[in-house]
């Protein structure tokens, strides 16, 4: 467990993840998940919360890439995770790094794809949700 001084130091040393960084990540994920008919959207709140000092240790872009890589690498799981819950909210929980991402999933009939909207992000061991929690 971190001392208060270590907590403050760790919190203040977080690398800022900008909204532009998140938009670039969104383009990467859209390109990779296009074969599954999945379109990602990350909100400004997601970008703000990704750099929040309460995430100890800080959340990094590399961690987010690794999480989505694990989903992508199991090709069946990529489609299954998001298409199984149309028009619902789920939480994607990274069991390795305790990262939790609540998503709203909407089926877009016009484009025949799933819009996966990341609402926020936080690192928390005992994250609670009233909706389904999908462990990755």
N, C-alpha and C. Protein backbone atom coordinates (compact mmCIF):
# COMPACT_ATOMS: atom_id res chain seq x y z
N UNK A 1 0.84 -1.18 0.00
CA UNK A 1 0.00 0.00 0.00
C UNK A 1 0.88 1.25 0.00
N UNK A 2 0.50 2.23 -0.79
CA UNK A 2 1.28 3.45 -0.90
C UNK A 2 1.07 4.35 0.31
N UNK A 3 2.15 5.00 0.73
CA UNK A 3 2.01 6.03 1.76
C UNK A 3 1.33 7.23 1.12
N UNK A 4 0.89 8.17 1.95
CA UNK A 4 0.22 9.36 1.43
C UNK A 4 1.16 10.13 0.51
N UNK A 5 2.43 10.29 0.89
CA UNK A 5 3.41 11.01 0.07
C UNK A 5 3.63 10.31 -1.27
N UNK A 6 3.72 8.98 -1.24
CA UNK A 6 3.90 8.22 -2.48
C UNK A 6 2.66 8.36 -3.37
N UNK A 7 1.47 8.35 -2.73
CA UNK A 7 0.22 8.51 -3.45
C UNK A 7 0.19 9.85 -4.18
N UNK A 8 0.53 10.93 -3.48
CA UNK A 8 0.51 12.28 -4.06
C UNK A 8 1.53 12.37 -5.20
N UNK A 9 2.72 11.81 -4.99
CA UNK A 9 3.76 11.84 -6.02
C UNK A 9 3.32 11.06 -7.25
N UNK A 10 2.78 9.86 -7.05
CA UNK A 10 2.32 9.03 -8.16
C UNK A 10 1.19 9.73 -8.91
N UNK A 11 0.26 10.28 -8.16
CA UNK A 11 -0.90 10.94 -8.77
C UNK A 11 -0.46 12.14 -9.61
N UNK A 12 0.49 12.90 -9.12
CA UNK A 12 0.92 14.10 -9.82
C UNK A 12 1.85 13.82 -10.99
N UNK A 13 2.36 12.60 -11.09
CA UNK A 13 3.28 12.26 -12.18
C UNK A 13 2.58 11.57 -13.35
N UNK A 14 1.26 11.55 -13.37
CA UNK A 14 0.55 10.91 -14.47
C UNK A 14 0.79 11.68 -15.76
N UNK A 15 1.07 10.91 -16.82
CA UNK A 15 1.22 11.53 -18.13
C UNK A 15 -0.16 11.87 -18.65
N UNK A 16 -0.32 13.09 -19.10
CA UNK A 16 -1.61 13.55 -19.58
C UNK A 16 -1.96 12.83 -20.88
N UNK A 17 -3.12 12.21 -20.89
CA UNK A 17 -3.66 11.61 -22.11
C UNK A 17 -4.65 12.62 -22.67
N UNK A 18 -4.34 13.14 -23.85
CA UNK A 18 -5.17 14.19 -24.42
C UNK A 18 -6.34 13.59 -25.19
N UNK A 19 -7.30 14.44 -25.50
CA UNK A 19 -8.44 14.00 -26.30
C UNK A 19 -7.97 13.60 -27.69
N UNK A 20 -6.94 14.29 -28.20
CA UNK A 20 -6.36 13.91 -29.51
C UNK A 20 -5.75 12.51 -29.45
N UNK A 21 -5.10 12.17 -28.33
CA UNK A 21 -4.55 10.81 -28.15
C UNK A 21 -5.68 9.78 -28.19
N UNK A 22 -6.77 10.09 -27.51
CA UNK A 22 -7.91 9.18 -27.46
C UNK A 22 -8.55 9.03 -28.84
N UNK A 23 -8.65 10.12 -29.58
CA UNK A 23 -9.23 10.05 -30.93
C UNK A 23 -8.34 9.20 -31.85
N UNK A 24 -7.03 9.30 -31.70
CA UNK A 24 -6.11 8.47 -32.48
C UNK A 24 -6.30 7.00 -32.12
N UNK A 25 -6.43 6.73 -30.83
CA UNK A 25 -6.69 5.37 -30.36
C UNK A 25 -8.01 4.84 -30.93
N UNK A 26 -9.01 5.70 -30.96
CA UNK A 26 -10.31 5.34 -31.52
C UNK A 26 -10.17 4.92 -32.99
N UNK A 27 -9.39 5.67 -33.76
CA UNK A 27 -9.17 5.33 -35.17
C UNK A 27 -8.46 3.98 -35.30
N UNK A 28 -7.46 3.74 -34.44
CA UNK A 28 -6.76 2.45 -34.44
C UNK A 28 -7.73 1.30 -34.19
N UNK A 29 -8.55 1.43 -33.15
CA UNK A 29 -9.48 0.37 -32.77
C UNK A 29 -10.54 0.17 -33.85
N UNK A 30 -11.04 1.27 -34.42
CA UNK A 30 -12.04 1.16 -35.49
C UNK A 30 -11.49 0.35 -36.66
N UNK A 31 -10.26 0.63 -37.02
CA UNK A 31 -9.64 -0.06 -38.15
C UNK A 31 -9.47 -1.55 -37.85
N UNK A 32 -9.03 -1.88 -36.64
CA UNK A 32 -8.81 -3.28 -36.27
C UNK A 32 -10.11 -4.05 -36.13
N UNK A 33 -11.13 -3.40 -35.60
CA UNK A 33 -12.39 -4.09 -35.32
C UNK A 33 -13.41 -3.96 -36.46
N UNK A 34 -13.03 -3.31 -37.54
CA UNK A 34 -13.93 -3.16 -38.68
C UNK A 34 -14.45 -4.50 -39.21
N UNK A 35 -13.62 -5.57 -39.27
CA UNK A 35 -14.15 -6.86 -39.73
C UNK A 35 -15.28 -7.41 -38.84
N UNK A 36 -15.35 -6.94 -37.60
CA UNK A 36 -16.40 -7.40 -36.69
C UNK A 36 -17.62 -6.48 -36.71
N UNK A 37 -17.59 -5.46 -37.59
CA UNK A 37 -18.68 -4.47 -37.66
C UNK A 37 -18.87 -3.76 -36.33
N UNK A 38 -17.75 -3.34 -35.73
CA UNK A 38 -17.77 -2.63 -34.47
C UNK A 38 -17.13 -1.27 -34.67
N UNK A 39 -17.84 -0.22 -34.24
CA UNK A 39 -17.36 1.15 -34.34
C UNK A 39 -17.22 1.71 -32.93
N UNK A 40 -16.01 2.12 -32.56
CA UNK A 40 -15.76 2.65 -31.22
C UNK A 40 -15.91 4.16 -31.20
N UNK A 41 -16.39 4.64 -30.06
CA UNK A 41 -16.42 6.08 -29.78
C UNK A 41 -15.99 6.27 -28.34
N UNK A 42 -15.09 7.20 -28.14
CA UNK A 42 -14.62 7.53 -26.80
C UNK A 42 -15.02 8.96 -26.49
N UNK A 43 -15.68 9.16 -25.37
CA UNK A 43 -16.18 10.48 -25.00
C UNK A 43 -15.06 11.34 -24.44
N UNK A 44 -15.30 12.64 -24.40
CA UNK A 44 -14.34 13.55 -23.78
C UNK A 44 -14.16 13.19 -22.30
N UNK A 45 -15.24 12.81 -21.65
CA UNK A 45 -15.14 12.41 -20.24
C UNK A 45 -14.19 11.22 -20.09
N UNK A 46 -14.23 10.28 -21.03
CA UNK A 46 -13.32 9.15 -21.01
C UNK A 46 -11.88 9.66 -21.04
N UNK A 47 -11.59 10.58 -21.95
CA UNK A 47 -10.22 11.13 -22.06
C UNK A 47 -9.82 11.84 -20.78
N UNK A 48 -10.73 12.64 -20.23
CA UNK A 48 -10.42 13.35 -18.98
C UNK A 48 -10.17 12.38 -17.84
N UNK A 49 -10.99 11.36 -17.75
CA UNK A 49 -10.90 10.40 -16.65
C UNK A 49 -9.68 9.48 -16.79
N UNK A 50 -9.23 9.25 -18.03
CA UNK A 50 -8.05 8.40 -18.25
C UNK A 50 -6.81 9.02 -17.61
N UNK A 51 -6.74 10.35 -17.59
CA UNK A 51 -5.58 11.05 -17.02
C UNK A 51 -5.80 11.47 -15.57
N UNK A 52 -6.88 11.05 -14.99
CA UNK A 52 -7.21 11.46 -13.63
C UNK A 52 -6.18 10.90 -12.64
N UNK A 53 -5.73 11.72 -11.74
CA UNK A 53 -4.74 11.33 -10.75
C UNK A 53 -5.21 10.28 -9.77
N UNK A 54 -6.51 10.01 -9.70
CA UNK A 54 -7.00 8.97 -8.80
C UNK A 54 -6.70 7.57 -9.31
N UNK A 55 -6.30 7.45 -10.56
CA UNK A 55 -5.91 6.16 -11.12
C UNK A 55 -4.47 5.86 -10.69
N UNK A 56 -4.33 5.04 -9.69
CA UNK A 56 -3.00 4.70 -9.17
C UNK A 56 -2.73 3.23 -9.42
N UNK A 57 -1.73 2.85 -10.19
CA UNK A 57 -0.88 3.74 -10.99
C UNK A 57 -1.65 4.31 -12.17
N UNK A 58 -1.04 5.30 -12.81
CA UNK A 58 -1.67 5.99 -13.94
C UNK A 58 -2.04 5.01 -15.05
N UNK A 59 -3.13 5.29 -15.72
CA UNK A 59 -3.52 4.51 -16.90
C UNK A 59 -2.71 5.04 -18.07
N UNK A 60 -2.18 4.12 -18.88
CA UNK A 60 -1.38 4.52 -20.03
C UNK A 60 -2.06 4.09 -21.33
N UNK A 61 -1.67 4.74 -22.41
CA UNK A 61 -2.18 4.35 -23.73
C UNK A 61 -1.76 2.93 -24.06
N UNK A 62 -0.56 2.54 -23.63
CA UNK A 62 -0.09 1.17 -23.89
C UNK A 62 -0.98 0.14 -23.20
N UNK A 63 -1.44 0.45 -21.98
CA UNK A 63 -2.35 -0.47 -21.29
C UNK A 63 -3.65 -0.61 -22.06
N UNK A 64 -4.17 0.50 -22.58
CA UNK A 64 -5.42 0.44 -23.34
C UNK A 64 -5.23 -0.36 -24.62
N UNK A 65 -4.12 -0.14 -25.30
CA UNK A 65 -3.83 -0.93 -26.51
C UNK A 65 -3.74 -2.42 -26.18
N UNK A 66 -3.06 -2.74 -25.08
CA UNK A 66 -2.89 -4.15 -24.69
C UNK A 66 -4.24 -4.79 -24.38
N UNK A 67 -5.12 -4.07 -23.69
CA UNK A 67 -6.45 -4.59 -23.36
C UNK A 67 -7.23 -4.90 -24.64
N UNK A 68 -7.26 -3.95 -25.57
CA UNK A 68 -8.02 -4.17 -26.79
C UNK A 68 -7.33 -5.18 -27.70
N UNK A 69 -6.03 -5.31 -27.60
CA UNK A 69 -5.31 -6.36 -28.34
C UNK A 69 -5.74 -7.74 -27.87
N UNK A 70 -5.89 -7.90 -26.55
CA UNK A 70 -6.33 -9.20 -26.02
C UNK A 70 -7.72 -9.54 -26.53
N UNK A 71 -8.59 -8.55 -26.62
CA UNK A 71 -9.93 -8.79 -27.16
C UNK A 71 -9.83 -9.14 -28.64
N UNK A 72 -9.04 -8.38 -29.37
CA UNK A 72 -8.91 -8.59 -30.80
C UNK A 72 -8.27 -9.95 -31.13
N UNK A 73 -7.27 -10.34 -30.38
CA UNK A 73 -6.53 -11.56 -30.68
C UNK A 73 -7.42 -12.80 -30.59
N UNK A 74 -8.41 -12.76 -29.74
CA UNK A 74 -9.37 -13.86 -29.72
C UNK A 74 -10.53 -13.42 -30.62
N UNK A 75 -10.33 -13.52 -31.91
CA UNK A 75 -11.24 -12.95 -32.91
C UNK A 75 -12.71 -13.19 -32.63
N UNK A 76 -13.05 -14.37 -32.20
CA UNK A 76 -14.45 -14.65 -31.91
C UNK A 76 -14.93 -13.81 -30.74
N UNK A 77 -14.06 -13.64 -29.75
CA UNK A 77 -14.46 -12.89 -28.56
C UNK A 77 -14.73 -11.43 -28.89
N UNK A 78 -13.95 -10.85 -29.80
CA UNK A 78 -14.14 -9.44 -30.16
C UNK A 78 -15.56 -9.14 -30.58
N UNK A 79 -16.09 -9.94 -31.44
CA UNK A 79 -17.47 -9.74 -31.90
C UNK A 79 -18.45 -10.15 -30.79
N UNK A 80 -18.14 -11.25 -30.13
CA UNK A 80 -19.05 -11.80 -29.13
C UNK A 80 -19.28 -10.84 -27.96
N UNK A 81 -18.20 -10.24 -27.48
CA UNK A 81 -18.33 -9.37 -26.31
C UNK A 81 -19.30 -8.23 -26.59
N UNK A 82 -19.13 -7.58 -27.73
CA UNK A 82 -19.92 -6.39 -27.98
C UNK A 82 -21.26 -6.67 -28.64
N UNK A 83 -21.36 -7.71 -29.46
CA UNK A 83 -22.63 -7.98 -30.14
C UNK A 83 -23.62 -8.71 -29.25
N UNK A 84 -23.12 -9.29 -28.19
CA UNK A 84 -23.99 -10.04 -27.28
C UNK A 84 -24.90 -9.12 -26.45
N UNK A 85 -24.52 -7.87 -26.32
CA UNK A 85 -25.23 -6.95 -25.43
C UNK A 85 -25.77 -5.74 -26.18
N UNK A 86 -26.51 -5.91 -27.28
CA UNK A 86 -26.98 -4.74 -28.02
C UNK A 86 -27.94 -3.90 -27.17
N UNK A 87 -27.81 -2.61 -27.35
CA UNK A 87 -28.68 -1.65 -26.67
C UNK A 87 -28.66 -1.82 -25.15
N UNK A 88 -27.46 -2.09 -24.64
CA UNK A 88 -27.26 -2.22 -23.19
C UNK A 88 -26.00 -1.48 -22.78
N UNK A 89 -25.79 -1.45 -21.48
CA UNK A 89 -24.54 -0.94 -20.94
C UNK A 89 -23.83 -2.10 -20.26
N UNK A 90 -22.53 -2.20 -20.51
CA UNK A 90 -21.71 -3.23 -19.88
C UNK A 90 -20.45 -2.56 -19.33
N UNK A 91 -19.74 -3.29 -18.50
CA UNK A 91 -18.44 -2.84 -18.02
C UNK A 91 -17.42 -3.87 -18.47
N UNK A 92 -16.40 -3.39 -19.16
CA UNK A 92 -15.29 -4.24 -19.54
C UNK A 92 -14.24 -4.11 -18.44
N UNK A 93 -13.89 -5.23 -17.81
CA UNK A 93 -12.95 -5.21 -16.69
C UNK A 93 -11.67 -5.93 -17.10
N UNK A 94 -10.58 -5.19 -17.07
CA UNK A 94 -9.26 -5.76 -17.31
C UNK A 94 -8.77 -6.36 -16.00
N UNK A 95 -8.80 -7.68 -15.89
CA UNK A 95 -8.45 -8.34 -14.63
C UNK A 95 -6.95 -8.25 -14.33
N UNK A 96 -6.14 -8.04 -15.34
CA UNK A 96 -4.69 -7.90 -15.12
C UNK A 96 -4.34 -6.58 -14.45
N UNK A 97 -4.97 -5.51 -14.93
CA UNK A 97 -4.58 -4.17 -14.50
C UNK A 97 -5.65 -3.42 -13.71
N UNK A 98 -6.77 -4.09 -13.40
CA UNK A 98 -7.88 -3.47 -12.66
C UNK A 98 -8.41 -2.20 -13.34
N UNK A 99 -8.46 -2.23 -14.65
CA UNK A 99 -9.03 -1.10 -15.40
C UNK A 99 -10.47 -1.47 -15.76
N UNK A 100 -11.38 -0.54 -15.51
CA UNK A 100 -12.81 -0.74 -15.77
C UNK A 100 -13.29 0.32 -16.76
N UNK A 101 -13.97 -0.15 -17.80
CA UNK A 101 -14.49 0.77 -18.82
C UNK A 101 -15.97 0.48 -19.04
N UNK A 102 -16.85 1.35 -18.52
CA UNK A 102 -18.27 1.21 -18.83
C UNK A 102 -18.55 1.63 -20.28
N UNK A 103 -19.27 0.78 -21.01
CA UNK A 103 -19.62 1.02 -22.40
C UNK A 103 -21.12 1.02 -22.57
N UNK A 104 -21.60 1.87 -23.45
CA UNK A 104 -22.96 1.78 -23.96
C UNK A 104 -22.83 1.14 -25.34
N UNK A 105 -23.63 0.12 -25.60
CA UNK A 105 -23.57 -0.57 -26.89
C UNK A 105 -24.91 -0.36 -27.59
N UNK A 106 -24.82 0.16 -28.79
CA UNK A 106 -26.02 0.43 -29.57
C UNK A 106 -25.88 -0.22 -30.94
N UNK A 107 -26.91 -0.89 -31.36
CA UNK A 107 -26.89 -1.48 -32.70
C UNK A 107 -27.34 -0.42 -33.69
N UNK A 108 -26.50 -0.13 -34.67
CA UNK A 108 -26.78 0.86 -35.71
C UNK A 108 -27.32 0.12 -36.93
N UNK A 109 -28.64 0.09 -37.08
CA UNK A 109 -29.27 -0.65 -38.17
C UNK A 109 -28.91 -0.07 -39.54
N UNK A 110 -28.77 1.24 -39.59
CA UNK A 110 -28.47 1.89 -40.87
C UNK A 110 -27.12 1.41 -41.44
N UNK A 111 -26.11 1.28 -40.56
CA UNK A 111 -24.78 0.85 -41.00
C UNK A 111 -24.51 -0.62 -40.70
N UNK A 112 -25.49 -1.30 -40.11
CA UNK A 112 -25.35 -2.72 -39.74
C UNK A 112 -24.06 -2.96 -38.95
N UNK A 113 -23.92 -2.18 -37.87
CA UNK A 113 -22.74 -2.32 -37.02
C UNK A 113 -23.11 -1.99 -35.58
N UNK A 114 -22.22 -2.34 -34.68
CA UNK A 114 -22.41 -2.02 -33.28
C UNK A 114 -21.59 -0.79 -32.93
N UNK A 115 -22.26 0.22 -32.38
CA UNK A 115 -21.56 1.40 -31.88
C UNK A 115 -21.24 1.14 -30.42
N UNK A 116 -19.96 1.14 -30.10
CA UNK A 116 -19.50 0.86 -28.76
C UNK A 116 -18.93 2.17 -28.20
N UNK A 117 -19.65 2.74 -27.24
CA UNK A 117 -19.32 4.07 -26.72
C UNK A 117 -18.74 3.94 -25.32
N UNK A 118 -17.45 4.26 -25.20
CA UNK A 118 -16.78 4.21 -23.90
C UNK A 118 -17.13 5.48 -23.14
N UNK A 119 -17.80 5.31 -22.02
CA UNK A 119 -18.30 6.45 -21.27
C UNK A 119 -17.26 7.03 -20.32
N UNK A 120 -16.52 6.15 -19.65
CA UNK A 120 -15.52 6.60 -18.69
C UNK A 120 -14.52 5.47 -18.49
N UNK A 121 -13.54 5.71 -17.66
CA UNK A 121 -12.53 4.69 -17.37
C UNK A 121 -11.99 4.96 -15.97
N UNK A 122 -11.67 3.88 -15.27
CA UNK A 122 -11.06 4.05 -13.95
C UNK A 122 -10.32 2.78 -13.57
N UNK A 123 -9.28 2.98 -12.78
CA UNK A 123 -8.56 1.84 -12.23
C UNK A 123 -9.09 1.66 -10.80
N UNK A 124 -9.75 0.54 -10.59
CA UNK A 124 -10.32 0.27 -9.27
C UNK A 124 -10.48 -1.24 -9.13
N UNK A 125 -9.98 -1.77 -8.06
CA UNK A 125 -10.00 -3.22 -7.87
C UNK A 125 -11.42 -3.75 -7.71
N UNK A 126 -12.22 -3.17 -6.83
CA UNK A 126 -13.56 -3.69 -6.53
C UNK A 126 -14.64 -2.85 -7.18
N UNK A 127 -14.56 -2.67 -8.46
CA UNK A 127 -15.54 -1.87 -9.19
C UNK A 127 -16.89 -2.57 -9.18
N UNK A 128 -17.92 -1.83 -8.89
CA UNK A 128 -19.30 -2.38 -8.83
C UNK A 128 -20.13 -1.75 -9.94
N UNK A 129 -21.05 -2.55 -10.47
CA UNK A 129 -21.96 -2.07 -11.51
C UNK A 129 -23.25 -2.86 -11.43
N UNK A 130 -24.34 -2.22 -11.79
CA UNK A 130 -25.61 -2.93 -11.82
C UNK A 130 -25.76 -3.71 -13.13
N UNK A 131 -24.96 -3.37 -14.12
CA UNK A 131 -25.00 -4.06 -15.41
C UNK A 131 -23.98 -5.19 -15.46
N UNK A 132 -23.96 -5.91 -16.58
CA UNK A 132 -23.00 -7.01 -16.73
C UNK A 132 -21.55 -6.51 -16.71
N UNK A 133 -20.70 -7.29 -16.05
CA UNK A 133 -19.26 -7.01 -16.05
C UNK A 133 -18.59 -8.13 -16.82
N UNK A 134 -17.90 -7.75 -17.90
CA UNK A 134 -17.22 -8.71 -18.76
C UNK A 134 -15.74 -8.67 -18.41
N UNK A 135 -15.21 -9.77 -17.91
CA UNK A 135 -13.81 -9.83 -17.51
C UNK A 135 -12.95 -10.25 -18.71
N UNK A 136 -11.89 -9.51 -18.92
CA UNK A 136 -10.96 -9.80 -20.01
C UNK A 136 -9.57 -9.96 -19.42
